[in-house]
Amino acid sequence: MMTPDLYTDVALNRDIPEAGLRCGTVAAFIDRVPHPQGGEDGAILEVFSVTGDTLAVVTVPLSSIEALRDDDLFSIQRLTVR
């Protein structure tokens, strides 16, 4: 399981429907948080619009993120939940 450096960009590797985010969404890794009952630690992510505005701050399991790769491409998606 990856733990990225703080403030680096990561990608979601699964949909987070309650936040309106889809697999492939790029976000900034803000912090790692321990699970209060010994389960999987979480990742706090900040999701930005293409113009730099914050759209969402979410906490997801660390297993839900992955490092960006050289062969990744950006694409546009609309946030469906606000």
C-alpha atoms as a PDB file:
ATOM      1  CA  MET A   1       0.000   0.000   0.000  1.00  0.00           C
ATOM      2  CA  MET A   2       1.424   3.360  -0.972  1.00  0.00           C
ATOM      3  CA  THR A   3       1.968   6.316   1.323  1.00  0.00           C
ATOM      4  CA  PRO A   4       2.857   9.255  -0.907  1.00  0.00           C
ATOM      5  CA  ASP A   5       4.791  12.322   0.130  1.00  0.00           C
ATOM      6  CA  LEU A   6       2.596  15.105   1.452  1.00  0.00           C
ATOM      7  CA  TYR A   7       1.172  17.489  -1.161  1.00  0.00           C
ATOM      8  CA  THR A   8       1.926  15.240  -4.110  1.00  0.00           C
ATOM      9  CA  ASP A   9      -0.690  14.374  -6.696  1.00  0.00           C
ATOM     10  CA  VAL A  10      -2.270  10.921  -6.658  1.00  0.00           C
ATOM     11  CA  ALA A  11      -5.100   9.242  -8.568  1.00  0.00           C
ATOM     12  CA  LEU A  12      -8.135   7.431  -7.251  1.00  0.00           C
ATOM     13  CA  ASN A  13      -8.148   3.771  -8.274  1.00  0.00           C
ATOM     14  CA  ARG A  14     -11.892   3.347  -7.603  1.00  0.00           C
ATOM     15  CA  ASP A  15     -15.064   5.424  -7.680  1.00  0.00           C
ATOM     16  CA  ILE A  16     -16.065   7.353  -4.557  1.00  0.00           C
ATOM     17  CA  PRO A  17     -19.768   7.836  -5.396  1.00  0.00           C
ATOM     18  CA  GLU A  18     -20.718   9.611  -2.169  1.00  0.00           C
ATOM     19  CA  ALA A  19     -18.276  12.391  -3.137  1.00  0.00           C
ATOM     20  CA  GLY A  20     -19.134  12.310  -6.852  1.00  0.00           C
ATOM     21  CA  LEU A  21     -15.580  11.238  -7.741  1.00  0.00           C
ATOM     22  CA  ARG A  22     -14.607   8.593 -10.262  1.00  0.00           C
ATOM     23  CA  CYS A  23     -11.675   6.284 -10.725  1.00  0.00           C
ATOM     24  CA  GLY A  24      -8.847   8.290 -12.254  1.00  0.00           C
ATOM     25  CA  THR A  25      -9.628  11.552 -10.461  1.00  0.00           C
ATOM     26  CA  VAL A  26      -6.383  13.357  -9.626  1.00  0.00           C
ATOM     27  CA  ALA A  27      -6.099  14.880  -6.144  1.00  0.00           C
ATOM     28  CA  ALA A  28      -3.462  16.276  -3.810  1.00  0.00           C
ATOM     29  CA  PHE A  29      -2.483  14.025  -0.891  1.00  0.00           C
ATOM     30  CA  ILE A  30      -2.868  16.258   2.164  1.00  0.00           C
ATOM     31  CA  ASP A  31      -2.391  13.887   5.099  1.00  0.00           C
ATOM     32  CA  ARG A  32      -2.520  10.320   6.365  1.00  0.00           C
ATOM     33  CA  VAL A  33      -4.912   9.576   9.219  1.00  0.00           C
ATOM     34  CA  PRO A  34      -4.908   6.472  11.410  1.00  0.00           C
ATOM     35  CA  HIS A  35      -8.074   4.417  11.612  1.00  0.00           C
ATOM     36  CA  PRO A  36      -9.537   4.906  15.107  1.00  0.00           C
ATOM     37  CA  GLN A  37     -10.174   1.170  15.579  1.00  0.00           C
ATOM     38  CA  GLY A  38      -7.071  -0.306  13.977  1.00  0.00           C
ATOM     39  CA  GLY A  39      -8.458  -0.722  10.453  1.00  0.00           C
ATOM     40  CA  GLU A  40      -6.946   0.642   7.274  1.00  0.00           C
ATOM     41  CA  ASP A  41      -5.466   4.136   7.552  1.00  0.00           C
ATOM     42  CA  GLY A  42      -7.012   6.919   5.511  1.00  0.00           C
ATOM     43  CA  ALA A  43      -5.765   9.510   3.064  1.00  0.00           C
ATOM     44  CA  ILE A  44      -7.075  13.057   3.132  1.00  0.00           C
ATOM     45  CA  LEU A  45      -7.269  14.351  -0.434  1.00  0.00           C
ATOM     46  CA  GLU A  46      -8.001  17.769  -1.888  1.00  0.00           C
ATOM     47  CA  VAL A  47      -9.607  17.761  -5.329  1.00  0.00           C
ATOM     48  CA  PHE A  48      -9.107  20.851  -7.491  1.00  0.00           C
ATOM     49  CA  SER A  49     -10.885  22.135 -10.577  1.00  0.00           C
ATOM     50  CA  VAL A  50      -8.843  22.704 -13.726  1.00  0.00           C
ATOM     51  CA  THR A  51      -8.787  26.406 -12.794  1.00  0.00           C
ATOM     52  CA  GLY A  52      -7.340  25.717  -9.323  1.00  0.00           C
ATOM     53  CA  ASP A  53     -10.437  26.026  -7.129  1.00  0.00           C
ATOM     54  CA  THR A  54     -10.967  23.453  -4.377  1.00  0.00           C
ATOM     55  CA  LEU A  55     -13.944  21.257  -5.254  1.00  0.00           C
ATOM     56  CA  ALA A  56     -13.776  18.677  -2.482  1.00  0.00           C
ATOM     57  CA  VAL A  57     -11.786  17.509   0.501  1.00  0.00           C
ATOM     58  CA  VAL A  58     -12.355  13.810   1.151  1.00  0.00           C
ATOM     59  CA  THR A  59     -10.955  11.025   3.286  1.00  0.00           C
ATOM     60  CA  VAL A  60     -10.564   7.663   1.567  1.00  0.00           C
ATOM     61  CA  PRO A  61      -8.789   4.415   2.485  1.00  0.00           C
ATOM     62  CA  LEU A  62      -5.103   4.444   1.505  1.00  0.00           C
ATOM     63  CA  SER A  63      -5.787   1.478  -0.783  1.00  0.00           C
ATOM     64  CA  SER A  64      -8.020   3.785  -2.879  1.00  0.00           C
ATOM     65  CA  ILE A  65      -5.111   5.855  -4.200  1.00  0.00           C
ATOM     66  CA  GLU A  66      -2.160   5.221  -6.447  1.00  0.00           C
ATOM     67  CA  ALA A  67       0.837   7.145  -7.721  1.00  0.00           C
ATOM     68  CA  LEU A  68       0.591   8.954 -11.036  1.00  0.00           C
ATOM     69  CA  ARG A  69       2.486   7.247 -13.865  1.00  0.00           C
ATOM     70  CA  ASP A  70       4.278   8.547 -16.930  1.00  0.00           C
ATOM     71  CA  ASP A  71       1.667   6.982 -19.211  1.00  0.00           C
ATOM     72  CA  ASP A  72      -1.356   8.556 -17.425  1.00  0.00           C
ATOM     73  CA  LEU A  73      -3.484  11.093 -19.308  1.00  0.00           C
ATOM     74  CA  PHE A  74      -5.669  13.891 -17.957  1.00  0.00           C
ATOM     75  CA  SER A  75      -9.339  14.030 -18.914  1.00  0.00           C
ATOM     76  CA  ILE A  76     -12.257  16.226 -17.939  1.00  0.00           C
ATOM     77  CA  GLN A  77     -15.104  15.097 -15.700  1.00  0.00           C
ATOM     78  CA  ARG A  78     -17.809  17.113 -13.990  1.00  0.00           C
ATOM     79  CA  LEU A  79     -18.248  16.806 -10.231  1.00  0.00           C
ATOM     80  CA  THR A  80     -21.712  15.352  -9.739  1.00  0.00           C
ATOM     81  CA  VAL A  81     -22.084  15.916  -5.973  1.00  0.00           C
ATOM     82  CA  ARG A  82     -21.482  19.185  -4.142  1.00  0.00           C
END
